[in-house]
């Protein structure tokens, strides 16, 4: 299968114990820490989440876990989830959290499933945010930043006709032109999200599966 040229995977490979690696790890941490915290909040509880995230990130850097990411696993999301499951299990063992005597362990399985759903929701939100930031920069480069900021709120839900007319009047645009601009931005954001996701996938087949999963998360399934 053809490999995607992935600057994000290059960043992951560089995130080891070196001066360059520290900068790469810091960038990855900035991008994915919210999803990591969301996983631990659902798995270990709100009180333990920040400490667990901090210890996970410290161990990830000190033991150079992320540079070992195997593209054969398909995606960085899957690799990160595997590490998070392991770390959460160790954290639970270290805290000696008891299971009920008649428990078959299904409560732990339920907690893990919920944690992964929370992780995926946050991960989807992060990709959406990255896509918005990239498009905002492109609009500003073309000196259309003000237009972008006015269009963005219209993407959350189909705008009412009155809203379109009001915003169109503010921008001195015909309502039909504004409708076209909204549709174009929606398409550009979707394409940008695909680019962001491709940078985390090893091949086309993995990307297709990850994109389908992302759509289910965004649709609330």
Foldseek 3Di string as FASTA:
>chain_A
DDWDPFPLLVLLLLLEPDPSNVVSLVVVCVLQLVLQLLLCCLQPNNVCSVVLSVVLSVCCHHVVVRSPDDLVVWFPLVSVLVSSVVSSVVVCVVVVDDDDPPDPCVVNVVSNVVSVLSSLLVNLVSLLVVLLVVVLVVCVVVVNNVVSVLLVVCQVDPDDLVSLVVSCVVVVHDSVVSVVVNVVSVVSSVVSSLVVRSSGTGDDVSSVVVVVVSVCSVVVD
